[in-house]
Amino acid sequence: MKKHFISILIAGILWGTTGVFRRFLDQIGLSTMGVVFIRSLVAFICFSITILITDRNALKIKLKDLWCFIGTGLISFLLFTICYFKAMQLMSLSTAAILLYSAPCFVILISVPCFQEKINAPKILALVMAFAGCCLVSGIGSGNGRLSGLGILCGLGSGICYALYSIFSRFALNRGYSSLTINFYTSLLATIGALVLGGYSAFPECFATARAGLISVGTGIVTCFLPYMFYTYGLSGMENGKASIIASIEPVVATLMGILVFGENLTLMSAAGVILVLGAIVVTNVRFSKQQDSSDSEKC
């Protein structure tokens, strides 16, 4: 269980760097759809190489299960990325991140009827701590974060779509598909979707200079290929709701990146939020440890 916990944590940390790459790509002049296209394309190439080297049988899927991958690739990945990047354009990195992290609430609520996951006291405590921490980190209510109506809608849209990735992935995992299969078809369909929506028009700018090419490839690997690989693997060993709570480390990292790279302010409120989010992750991990010890005892 610990390896799945660590995998989710790594995914959240890597996703937390998305804003940094997005701002640099803005400087290059890429549109939101252009960023979505290059990000998913690079991830698709990486997953293709991985699956061809490690397990070509993972390419096999049943036509009746295609809806699972349409869900992860188009409904979740593509729409989530478009909404999140647009929110980051309209608001601060931390404000966009907090709206994104309404996702654990949606994940837990949807997982109850779909997968019979239980809502218990430790999970509720961790969820409240994580969300409260994200609110404090974002600076909402203190006048530090830029807000706009469209930005808020895009931010909430990113949260809903992000939540649906866990849901559709769980359906695919329950049907026997590996995390590698899910990631391959997710990135493939997302790339096709971005291509159809015109993302290809920004392709020349991505590699106009060596710096632009490095940033473009870097965003695909660091914020897409690696975190999705870690998250989907981690999801295979724990409940959806718990995984989403652990991944709440992302807005903390996003805020720290904003401070270190772009000079955004760190207030006492933000620091308290960081502590709350980390505390929520500790609460969730302690719960995992107790469950694992109990499971091991039963086996003995």
C-alpha atoms as a PDB file:
ATOM      1  CA  MET A   1       0.000   0.000   0.000  1.00  0.00           C
ATOM      2  CA  LYS A   2       2.874   2.386   0.780  1.00  0.00           C
ATOM      3  CA  LYS A   3       4.181   2.198  -2.772  1.00  0.00           C
ATOM      4  CA  HIS A   4       0.763   3.226  -4.095  1.00  0.00           C
ATOM      5  CA  PHE A   5       0.644   6.085  -1.593  1.00  0.00           C
ATOM      6  CA  ILE A   6       4.095   7.285  -2.676  1.00  0.00           C
ATOM      7  CA  SER A   7       3.114   7.011  -6.347  1.00  0.00           C
ATOM      8  CA  ILE A   8       0.077   9.266  -5.818  1.00  0.00           C
ATOM      9  CA  LEU A   9       2.178  11.727  -3.829  1.00  0.00           C
ATOM     10  CA  ILE A  10       4.807  11.926  -6.591  1.00  0.00           C
ATOM     11  CA  ALA A  11       2.054  12.489  -9.167  1.00  0.00           C
ATOM     12  CA  GLY A  12       0.638  15.388  -7.152  1.00  0.00           C
ATOM     13  CA  ILE A  13       4.075  16.980  -6.776  1.00  0.00           C
ATOM     14  CA  LEU A  14       4.763  16.737 -10.510  1.00  0.00           C
ATOM     15  CA  TRP A  15       1.326  18.163 -11.384  1.00  0.00           C
ATOM     16  CA  GLY A  16       2.142  21.048  -9.072  1.00  0.00           C
ATOM     17  CA  THR A  17       4.808  22.228 -11.548  1.00  0.00           C
ATOM     18  CA  THR A  18       2.262  22.591 -14.366  1.00  0.00           C
ATOM     19  CA  GLY A  19       1.795  26.299 -13.787  1.00  0.00           C
ATOM     20  CA  VAL A  20       5.501  27.006 -14.207  1.00  0.00           C
ATOM     21  CA  PHE A  21       5.630  25.278 -17.579  1.00  0.00           C
ATOM     22  CA  ARG A  22       2.353  26.937 -18.598  1.00  0.00           C
ATOM     23  CA  ARG A  23       3.677  30.410 -17.900  1.00  0.00           C
ATOM     24  CA  PHE A  24       6.854  29.733 -19.906  1.00  0.00           C
ATOM     25  CA  LEU A  25       4.787  28.394 -22.797  1.00  0.00           C
ATOM     26  CA  ASP A  26       2.684  31.569 -22.624  1.00  0.00           C
ATOM     27  CA  GLN A  27       5.879  33.527 -23.173  1.00  0.00           C
ATOM     28  CA  ILE A  28       6.560  31.505 -26.300  1.00  0.00           C
ATOM     29  CA  GLY A  29       3.120  32.512 -27.551  1.00  0.00           C
ATOM     30  CA  LEU A  30       1.294  29.186 -27.486  1.00  0.00           C
ATOM     31  CA  SER A  31      -2.494  29.125 -27.223  1.00  0.00           C
ATOM     32  CA  THR A  32      -4.259  27.011 -24.618  1.00  0.00           C
ATOM     33  CA  MET A  33      -5.158  24.407 -27.242  1.00  0.00           C
ATOM     34  CA  GLY A  34      -1.590  24.435 -28.529  1.00  0.00           C
ATOM     35  CA  VAL A  35      -0.292  23.621 -25.056  1.00  0.00           C
ATOM     36  CA  VAL A  36      -2.881  20.851 -24.651  1.00  0.00           C
ATOM     37  CA  PHE A  37      -1.837  19.347 -27.976  1.00  0.00           C
ATOM     38  CA  ILE A  38       1.922  19.358 -27.400  1.00  0.00           C
ATOM     39  CA  ARG A  39       1.490  18.124 -23.816  1.00  0.00           C
ATOM     40  CA  SER A  40      -0.668  15.154 -24.789  1.00  0.00           C
ATOM     41  CA  LEU A  41       1.413  14.400 -27.900  1.00  0.00           C
ATOM     42  CA  VAL A  42       4.674  14.173 -25.951  1.00  0.00           C
ATOM     43  CA  ALA A  43       2.973  11.982 -23.332  1.00  0.00           C
ATOM     44  CA  PHE A  44       1.523   9.743 -26.055  1.00  0.00           C
ATOM     45  CA  ILE A  45       4.952   9.256 -27.633  1.00  0.00           C
ATOM     46  CA  CYS A  46       6.435   8.376 -24.229  1.00  0.00           C
ATOM     47  CA  PHE A  47       3.639   5.917 -23.398  1.00  0.00           C
ATOM     48  CA  SER A  48       3.933   4.371 -26.882  1.00  0.00           C
ATOM     49  CA  ILE A  49       7.644   3.732 -26.425  1.00  0.00           C
ATOM     50  CA  THR A  50       7.042   2.334 -22.939  1.00  0.00           C
ATOM     51  CA  ILE A  51       4.268  -0.027 -24.003  1.00  0.00           C
ATOM     52  CA  LEU A  52       6.187  -1.281 -27.057  1.00  0.00           C
ATOM     53  CA  ILE A  53       9.234  -2.058 -24.930  1.00  0.00           C
ATOM     54  CA  THR A  54       7.532  -3.549 -21.888  1.00  0.00           C
ATOM     55  CA  ASP A  55       4.237  -5.184 -22.888  1.00  0.00           C
ATOM     56  CA  ARG A  56       2.728  -5.010 -26.372  1.00  0.00           C
ATOM     57  CA  ASN A  57      -0.236  -7.109 -25.215  1.00  0.00           C
ATOM     58  CA  ALA A  58      -1.321  -4.078 -23.201  1.00  0.00           C
ATOM     59  CA  LEU A  59      -2.465  -2.546 -26.510  1.00  0.00           C
ATOM     60  CA  LYS A  60      -5.400  -4.959 -26.642  1.00  0.00           C
ATOM     61  CA  ILE A  61      -8.782  -3.654 -25.509  1.00  0.00           C
ATOM     62  CA  LYS A  62     -12.371  -4.729 -26.041  1.00  0.00           C
ATOM     63  CA  LEU A  63     -14.571  -2.503 -28.181  1.00  0.00           C
ATOM     64  CA  LYS A  64     -17.311  -2.596 -25.543  1.00  0.00           C
ATOM     65  CA  ASP A  65     -14.886  -1.017 -23.067  1.00  0.00           C
ATOM     66  CA  LEU A  66     -13.899   1.852 -25.358  1.00  0.00           C
ATOM     67  CA  TRP A  67     -16.159   4.231 -23.423  1.00  0.00           C
ATOM     68  CA  CYS A  68     -13.810   3.979 -20.427  1.00  0.00           C
ATOM     69  CA  PHE A  69     -10.938   5.390 -22.465  1.00  0.00           C
ATOM     70  CA  ILE A  70     -13.108   8.008 -24.144  1.00  0.00           C
ATOM     71  CA  GLY A  71     -13.942   9.077 -20.612  1.00  0.00           C
ATOM     72  CA  THR A  72     -10.318   9.286 -19.455  1.00  0.00           C
ATOM     73  CA  GLY A  73      -8.961  10.732 -22.692  1.00  0.00           C
ATOM     74  CA  LEU A  74     -11.608  13.160 -23.966  1.00  0.00           C
ATOM     75  CA  ILE A  75     -14.049  13.888 -21.155  1.00  0.00           C
ATOM     76  CA  SER A  76     -11.391  14.014 -18.448  1.00  0.00           C
ATOM     77  CA  PHE A  77      -7.864  14.626 -19.761  1.00  0.00           C
ATOM     78  CA  LEU A  78      -8.688  16.907 -22.678  1.00  0.00           C
ATOM     79  CA  LEU A  79     -11.442  18.980 -21.059  1.00  0.00           C
ATOM     80  CA  PHE A  80      -9.624  19.075 -17.720  1.00  0.00           C
ATOM     81  CA  THR A  81      -6.447  20.440 -19.303  1.00  0.00           C
ATOM     82  CA  ILE A  82      -8.319  23.044 -21.360  1.00  0.00           C
ATOM     83  CA  CYS A  83     -10.266  24.269 -18.310  1.00  0.00           C
ATOM     84  CA  TYR A  84      -7.263  24.258 -15.981  1.00  0.00           C
ATOM     85  CA  PHE A  85      -4.938  26.091 -18.358  1.00  0.00           C
ATOM     86  CA  LYS A  86      -7.626  28.660 -19.111  1.00  0.00           C
ATOM     87  CA  ALA A  87      -8.174  29.186 -15.375  1.00  0.00           C
ATOM     88  CA  MET A  88      -4.442  29.760 -14.913  1.00  0.00           C
ATOM     89  CA  GLN A  89      -4.545  32.398 -17.626  1.00  0.00           C
ATOM     90  CA  LEU A  90      -7.410  34.252 -15.946  1.00  0.00           C
ATOM     91  CA  MET A  91      -6.333  33.875 -12.305  1.00  0.00           C
ATOM     92  CA  SER A  92      -3.257  33.208 -10.169  1.00  0.00           C
ATOM     93  CA  LEU A  93      -1.679  29.746 -10.122  1.00  0.00           C
ATOM     94  CA  SER A  94      -2.819  29.127  -6.552  1.00  0.00           C
ATOM     95  CA  THR A  95      -6.429  30.218  -7.175  1.00  0.00           C
ATOM     96  CA  ALA A  96      -6.683  27.958 -10.220  1.00  0.00           C
ATOM     97  CA  ALA A  97      -5.227  25.110  -8.157  1.00  0.00           C
ATOM     98  CA  ILE A  98      -7.764  25.479  -5.324  1.00  0.00           C
ATOM     99  CA  LEU A  99     -10.697  25.359  -7.717  1.00  0.00           C
ATOM    100  CA  LEU A 100      -9.145  22.303  -9.333  1.00  0.00           C
ATOM    101  CA  TYR A 101      -9.016  20.680  -5.931  1.00  0.00           C
ATOM    102  CA  SER A 102     -12.734  20.663  -5.482  1.00  0.00           C
ATOM    103  CA  ALA A 103     -12.072  17.354  -7.285  1.00  0.00           C
ATOM    104  CA  PRO A 104     -11.717  15.123  -4.170  1.00  0.00           C
ATOM    105  CA  CYS A 105     -15.241  16.113  -3.117  1.00  0.00           C
ATOM    106  CA  PHE A 106     -16.633  15.032  -6.488  1.00  0.00           C
ATOM    107  CA  VAL A 107     -14.537  11.845  -6.501  1.00  0.00           C
ATOM    108  CA  ILE A 108     -15.766  10.743  -3.074  1.00  0.00           C
ATOM    109  CA  LEU A 109     -19.423  11.533  -3.823  1.00  0.00           C
ATOM    110  CA  ILE A 110     -19.381   9.708  -7.191  1.00  0.00           C
ATOM    111  CA  SER A 111     -17.406   6.732  -5.845  1.00  0.00           C
ATOM    112  CA  VAL A 112     -20.014   5.935  -3.188  1.00  0.00           C
ATOM    113  CA  PRO A 113     -22.801   4.842  -5.600  1.00  0.00           C
ATOM    114  CA  CYS A 114     -20.465   3.651  -8.384  1.00  0.00           C
ATOM    115  CA  PHE A 115     -17.940   1.600  -6.392  1.00  0.00           C
ATOM    116  CA  GLN A 116     -19.505   1.327  -2.931  1.00  0.00           C
ATOM    117  CA  GLU A 117     -16.624   3.211  -1.333  1.00  0.00           C
ATOM    118  CA  LYS A 118     -17.398   4.187   2.253  1.00  0.00           C
ATOM    119  CA  ILE A 119     -17.427   7.696   3.654  1.00  0.00           C
ATOM    120  CA  ASN A 120     -15.891   7.300   7.120  1.00  0.00           C
ATOM    121  CA  ALA A 121     -14.693   9.739   9.775  1.00  0.00           C
ATOM    122  CA  PRO A 122     -10.958   9.649   8.862  1.00  0.00           C
ATOM    123  CA  LYS A 123     -11.758  10.267   5.199  1.00  0.00           C
ATOM    124  CA  ILE A 124     -14.069  13.182   6.008  1.00  0.00           C
ATOM    125  CA  LEU A 125     -11.472  14.669   8.370  1.00  0.00           C
ATOM    126  CA  ALA A 126      -8.731  14.376   5.756  1.00  0.00           C
ATOM    127  CA  LEU A 127     -11.009  15.834   3.067  1.00  0.00           C
ATOM    128  CA  VAL A 128     -11.989  18.829   5.210  1.00  0.00           C
ATOM    129  CA  MET A 129      -8.367  19.452   6.215  1.00  0.00           C
ATOM    130  CA  ALA A 130      -7.163  19.202   2.603  1.00  0.00           C
ATOM    131  CA  PHE A 131      -9.847  21.494   1.203  1.00  0.00           C
ATOM    132  CA  ALA A 132      -9.490  24.036   3.999  1.00  0.00           C
ATOM    133  CA  GLY A 133      -5.745  23.962   3.497  1.00  0.00           C
ATOM    134  CA  CYS A 134      -6.126  24.531  -0.237  1.00  0.00           C
ATOM    135  CA  CYS A 135      -8.414  27.495   0.441  1.00  0.00           C
ATOM    136  CA  LEU A 136      -5.851  29.051   2.770  1.00  0.00           C
ATOM    137  CA  VAL A 137      -2.992  28.337   0.366  1.00  0.00           C
ATOM    138  CA  SER A 138      -4.892  29.986  -2.477  1.00  0.00           C
ATOM    139  CA  GLY A 139      -5.345  33.227  -0.564  1.00  0.00           C
ATOM    140  CA  ILE A 140      -9.056  33.364  -1.400  1.00  0.00           C
ATOM    141  CA  GLY A 141     -10.739  35.874   0.868  1.00  0.00           C
ATOM    142  CA  SER A 142      -7.496  37.741   1.577  1.00  0.00           C
ATOM    143  CA  GLY A 143      -7.386  39.688  -1.670  1.00  0.00           C
ATOM    144  CA  ASN A 144      -4.233  37.934  -2.865  1.00  0.00           C
ATOM    145  CA  GLY A 145      -5.798  35.921  -5.651  1.00  0.00           C
ATOM    146  CA  ARG A 146      -7.168  37.288  -8.915  1.00  0.00           C
ATOM    147  CA  LEU A 147     -10.764  36.180  -9.462  1.00  0.00           C
ATOM    148  CA  SER A 148     -13.047  36.304 -12.485  1.00  0.00           C
ATOM    149  CA  GLY A 149     -16.389  34.744 -13.321  1.00  0.00           C
ATOM    150  CA  LEU A 150     -15.080  32.831 -16.323  1.00  0.00           C
ATOM    151  CA  GLY A 151     -11.974  31.844 -14.388  1.00  0.00           C
ATOM    152  CA  ILE A 152     -14.080  30.369 -11.571  1.00  0.00           C
ATOM    153  CA  LEU A 153     -16.211  28.403 -14.048  1.00  0.00           C
ATOM    154  CA  CYS A 154     -13.101  27.062 -15.774  1.00  0.00           C
ATOM    155  CA  GLY A 155     -11.557  26.194 -12.411  1.00  0.00           C
ATOM    156  CA  LEU A 156     -14.625  24.260 -11.244  1.00  0.00           C
ATOM    157  CA  GLY A 157     -14.821  22.585 -14.660  1.00  0.00           C
ATOM    158  CA  SER A 158     -11.240  21.434 -14.250  1.00  0.00           C
ATOM    159  CA  GLY A 159     -12.125  20.008 -10.828  1.00  0.00           C
ATOM    160  CA  ILE A 160     -15.078  18.016 -12.167  1.00  0.00           C
ATOM    161  CA  CYS A 161     -13.148  16.714 -15.185  1.00  0.00           C
ATOM    162  CA  TYR A 162     -10.147  15.826 -13.028  1.00  0.00           C
ATOM    163  CA  ALA A 163     -12.438  13.886 -10.697  1.00  0.00           C
ATOM    164  CA  LEU A 164     -13.849  11.954 -13.644  1.00  0.00           C
ATOM    165  CA  TYR A 165     -10.360  10.671 -14.530  1.00  0.00           C
ATOM    166  CA  SER A 166     -10.320   8.666 -11.293  1.00  0.00           C
ATOM    167  CA  ILE A 167     -13.839   7.411 -11.953  1.00  0.00           C
ATOM    168  CA  PHE A 168     -13.313   6.278 -15.548  1.00  0.00           C
ATOM    169  CA  SER A 169      -9.880   4.839 -14.673  1.00  0.00           C
ATOM    170  CA  ARG A 170     -11.440   2.795 -11.884  1.00  0.00           C
ATOM    171  CA  PHE A 171     -13.991   1.353 -14.299  1.00  0.00           C
ATOM    172  CA  ALA A 172     -11.115   0.379 -16.637  1.00  0.00           C
ATOM    173  CA  LEU A 173      -9.023  -1.090 -13.798  1.00  0.00           C
ATOM    174  CA  ASN A 174     -12.024  -3.129 -12.619  1.00  0.00           C
ATOM    175  CA  ARG A 175     -12.295  -4.547 -16.143  1.00  0.00           C
ATOM    176  CA  GLY A 176      -8.743  -5.865 -15.920  1.00  0.00           C
ATOM    177  CA  TYR A 177      -6.826  -3.196 -17.844  1.00  0.00           C
ATOM    178  CA  SER A 178      -3.383  -2.172 -16.633  1.00  0.00           C
ATOM    179  CA  SER A 179      -2.410   1.391 -15.792  1.00  0.00           C
ATOM    180  CA  LEU A 180      -0.170   1.371 -18.874  1.00  0.00           C
ATOM    181  CA  THR A 181      -3.097   0.505 -21.148  1.00  0.00           C
ATOM    182  CA  ILE A 182      -5.230   3.231 -19.606  1.00  0.00           C
ATOM    183  CA  ASN A 183      -2.497   5.851 -19.991  1.00  0.00           C
ATOM    184  CA  PHE A 184      -1.713   4.872 -23.582  1.00  0.00           C
ATOM    185  CA  TYR A 185      -5.288   5.209 -24.831  1.00  0.00           C
ATOM    186  CA  THR A 186      -5.954   8.248 -22.654  1.00  0.00           C
ATOM    187  CA  SER A 187      -3.053  10.165 -24.213  1.00  0.00           C
ATOM    188  CA  LEU A 188      -3.895   8.871 -27.711  1.00  0.00           C
ATOM    189  CA  LEU A 189      -7.501  10.059 -27.594  1.00  0.00           C
ATOM    190  CA  ALA A 190      -6.541  13.341 -25.933  1.00  0.00           C
ATOM    191  CA  THR A 191      -3.993  14.000 -28.691  1.00  0.00           C
ATOM    192  CA  ILE A 192      -6.561  13.251 -31.396  1.00  0.00           C
ATOM    193  CA  GLY A 193      -9.085  15.509 -29.662  1.00  0.00           C
ATOM    194  CA  ALA A 194      -6.613  18.387 -29.384  1.00  0.00           C
ATOM    195  CA  LEU A 195      -5.611  17.854 -33.021  1.00  0.00           C
ATOM    196  CA  VAL A 196      -9.219  18.104 -34.173  1.00  0.00           C
ATOM    197  CA  LEU A 197      -9.709  21.269 -32.114  1.00  0.00           C
ATOM    198  CA  GLY A 198      -6.792  22.963 -33.856  1.00  0.00           C
ATOM    199  CA  GLY A 199      -3.898  22.414 -31.496  1.00  0.00           C
ATOM    200  CA  TYR A 200      -1.622  21.477 -34.382  1.00  0.00           C
ATOM    201  CA  SER A 201      -1.476  25.146 -35.473  1.00  0.00           C
ATOM    202  CA  ALA A 202       0.867  25.898 -32.580  1.00  0.00           C
ATOM    203  CA  PHE A 203       3.271  23.069 -33.417  1.00  0.00           C
ATOM    204  CA  PRO A 204       5.831  25.264 -35.278  1.00  0.00           C
ATOM    205  CA  GLU A 205       6.151  27.608 -32.286  1.00  0.00           C
ATOM    206  CA  CYS A 206       6.875  24.683 -29.987  1.00  0.00           C
ATOM    207  CA  PHE A 207      10.147  23.984 -31.747  1.00  0.00           C
ATOM    208  CA  ALA A 208      10.992  27.401 -33.173  1.00  0.00           C
ATOM    209  CA  THR A 209      13.991  27.575 -30.839  1.00  0.00           C
ATOM    210  CA  ALA A 210      15.936  25.095 -28.714  1.00  0.00           C
ATOM    211  CA  ARG A 211      14.502  26.685 -25.544  1.00  0.00           C
ATOM    212  CA  ALA A 212      10.936  26.397 -26.829  1.00  0.00           C
ATOM    213  CA  GLY A 213      11.484  22.769 -27.795  1.00  0.00           C
ATOM    214  CA  LEU A 214      12.985  21.921 -24.402  1.00  0.00           C
ATOM    215  CA  ILE A 215      10.085  23.524 -22.531  1.00  0.00           C
ATOM    216  CA  SER A 216       7.515  21.853 -24.806  1.00  0.00           C
ATOM    217  CA  VAL A 217       8.999  18.385 -24.355  1.00  0.00           C
ATOM    218  CA  GLY A 218       9.548  19.045 -20.656  1.00  0.00           C
ATOM    219  CA  THR A 219       5.913  19.938 -20.009  1.00  0.00           C
ATOM    220  CA  GLY A 220       4.770  16.733 -21.701  1.00  0.00           C
ATOM    221  CA  ILE A 221       7.122  14.542 -19.667  1.00  0.00           C
ATOM    222  CA  VAL A 222       7.085  16.273 -16.280  1.00  0.00           C
ATOM    223  CA  THR A 223       3.418  17.352 -16.078  1.00  0.00           C
ATOM    224  CA  CYS A 224       1.750  14.598 -18.101  1.00  0.00           C
ATOM    225  CA  PHE A 225       3.635  11.384 -18.850  1.00  0.00           C
ATOM    226  CA  LEU A 226       5.228  10.844 -15.429  1.00  0.00           C
ATOM    227  CA  PRO A 227       2.385  12.026 -13.137  1.00  0.00           C
ATOM    228  CA  TYR A 228      -0.326  10.131 -15.029  1.00  0.00           C
ATOM    229  CA  MET A 229       1.826   7.012 -14.943  1.00  0.00           C
ATOM    230  CA  PHE A 230       2.354   7.349 -11.179  1.00  0.00           C
ATOM    231  CA  TYR A 231      -1.252   8.340 -10.411  1.00  0.00           C
ATOM    232  CA  THR A 232      -2.928   5.557 -12.385  1.00  0.00           C
ATOM    233  CA  TYR A 233      -0.568   2.996 -10.866  1.00  0.00           C
ATOM    234  CA  GLY A 234      -1.266   4.340  -7.374  1.00  0.00           C
ATOM    235  CA  LEU A 235      -4.986   4.287  -8.068  1.00  0.00           C
ATOM    236  CA  SER A 236      -4.772   0.538  -8.705  1.00  0.00           C
ATOM    237  CA  GLY A 237      -3.941  -0.013  -5.034  1.00  0.00           C
ATOM    238  CA  MET A 238      -6.285   2.326  -3.163  1.00  0.00           C
ATOM    239  CA  GLU A 239      -9.720   3.929  -3.139  1.00  0.00           C
ATOM    240  CA  ASN A 240     -10.469   6.836  -5.456  1.00  0.00           C
ATOM    241  CA  GLY A 241     -11.309   9.253  -2.657  1.00  0.00           C
ATOM    242  CA  LYS A 242      -8.124   8.594  -0.714  1.00  0.00           C
ATOM    243  CA  ALA A 243      -6.003   8.961  -3.831  1.00  0.00           C
ATOM    244  CA  SER A 244      -7.582  12.349  -4.594  1.00  0.00           C
ATOM    245  CA  ILE A 245      -6.934  13.591  -1.071  1.00  0.00           C
ATOM    246  CA  ILE A 246      -3.257  12.603  -1.243  1.00  0.00           C
ATOM    247  CA  ALA A 247      -2.906  14.319  -4.621  1.00  0.00           C
ATOM    248  CA  SER A 248      -4.025  17.531  -2.906  1.00  0.00           C
ATOM    249  CA  ILE A 249      -0.318  18.187  -2.447  1.00  0.00           C
ATOM    250  CA  GLU A 250      -0.498  19.743  -5.939  1.00  0.00           C
ATOM    251  CA  PRO A 251      -1.778  23.218  -4.928  1.00  0.00           C
ATOM    252  CA  VAL A 252       0.867  23.350  -2.207  1.00  0.00           C
ATOM    253  CA  VAL A 253       3.565  22.685  -4.790  1.00  0.00           C
ATOM    254  CA  ALA A 254       1.896  25.097  -7.227  1.00  0.00           C
ATOM    255  CA  THR A 255       1.963  27.817  -4.597  1.00  0.00           C
ATOM    256  CA  LEU A 256       5.612  27.145  -3.736  1.00  0.00           C
ATOM    257  CA  MET A 257       6.486  27.243  -7.435  1.00  0.00           C
ATOM    258  CA  GLY A 258       4.647  30.544  -7.777  1.00  0.00           C
ATOM    259  CA  ILE A 259       6.661  31.959  -4.878  1.00  0.00           C
ATOM    260  CA  LEU A 260      10.060  30.641  -5.973  1.00  0.00           C
ATOM    261  CA  VAL A 261       9.769  31.207  -9.715  1.00  0.00           C
ATOM    262  CA  PHE A 262       7.357  34.111 -10.151  1.00  0.00           C
ATOM    263  CA  GLY A 263       7.736  35.971  -6.859  1.00  0.00           C
ATOM    264  CA  GLU A 264       4.152  35.461  -5.662  1.00  0.00           C
ATOM    265  CA  ASN A 265       3.620  36.232  -1.966  1.00  0.00           C
ATOM    266  CA  LEU A 266       3.627  33.653   0.839  1.00  0.00           C
ATOM    267  CA  THR A 267       1.424  34.823   3.703  1.00  0.00           C
ATOM    268  CA  LEU A 268       0.895  33.390   7.160  1.00  0.00           C
ATOM    269  CA  MET A 269      -2.479  32.147   5.913  1.00  0.00           C
ATOM    270  CA  SER A 270      -0.841  30.312   3.022  1.00  0.00           C
ATOM    271  CA  ALA A 271       1.689  28.723   5.373  1.00  0.00           C
ATOM    272  CA  ALA A 272      -1.164  27.501   7.596  1.00  0.00           C
ATOM    273  CA  GLY A 273      -2.830  26.050   4.502  1.00  0.00           C
ATOM    274  CA  VAL A 274       0.315  24.132   3.606  1.00  0.00           C
ATOM    275  CA  ILE A 275       0.375  22.620   7.101  1.00  0.00           C
ATOM    276  CA  LEU A 276      -3.295  21.610   6.841  1.00  0.00           C
ATOM    277  CA  VAL A 277      -2.820  19.899   3.478  1.00  0.00           C
ATOM    278  CA  LEU A 278       0.240  18.023   4.726  1.00  0.00           C
ATOM    279  CA  GLY A 279      -1.708  17.089   7.850  1.00  0.00           C
ATOM    280  CA  ALA A 280      -4.541  15.677   5.722  1.00  0.00           C
ATOM    281  CA  ILE A 281      -2.048  13.525   3.834  1.00  0.00           C
ATOM    282  CA  VAL A 282      -0.610  12.269   7.133  1.00  0.00           C
ATOM    283  CA  VAL A 283      -4.109  11.403   8.412  1.00  0.00           C
ATOM    284  CA  THR A 284      -4.817   9.468   5.225  1.00  0.00           C
ATOM    285  CA  ASN A 285      -1.472   7.649   5.377  1.00  0.00           C
ATOM    286  CA  VAL A 286      -1.959   6.670   9.031  1.00  0.00           C
ATOM    287  CA  ARG A 287      -5.329   5.212   8.074  1.00  0.00           C
ATOM    288  CA  PHE A 288      -3.641   3.219   5.308  1.00  0.00           C
ATOM    289  CA  SER A 289      -1.030   1.896   7.696  1.00  0.00           C
ATOM    290  CA  LYS A 290      -3.658   0.724  10.192  1.00  0.00           C
ATOM    291  CA  GLN A 291      -5.637  -0.998   7.466  1.00  0.00           C
ATOM    292  CA  GLN A 292      -2.507  -2.669   6.114  1.00  0.00           C
ATOM    293  CA  ASP A 293      -1.474  -3.915   9.559  1.00  0.00           C
ATOM    294  CA  SER A 294      -4.990  -5.255  10.133  1.00  0.00           C
ATOM    295  CA  SER A 295      -4.942  -6.992   6.754  1.00  0.00           C
ATOM    296  CA  ASP A 296      -1.544  -8.557   7.481  1.00  0.00           C
ATOM    297  CA  SER A 297      -2.772  -9.821  10.852  1.00  0.00           C
ATOM    298  CA  GLU A 298      -5.793 -11.480   9.265  1.00  0.00           C
ATOM    299  CA  LYS A 299      -3.545 -13.249   6.757  1.00  0.00           C
ATOM    300  CA  CYS A 300      -1.462 -14.637   9.600  1.00  0.00           C
END
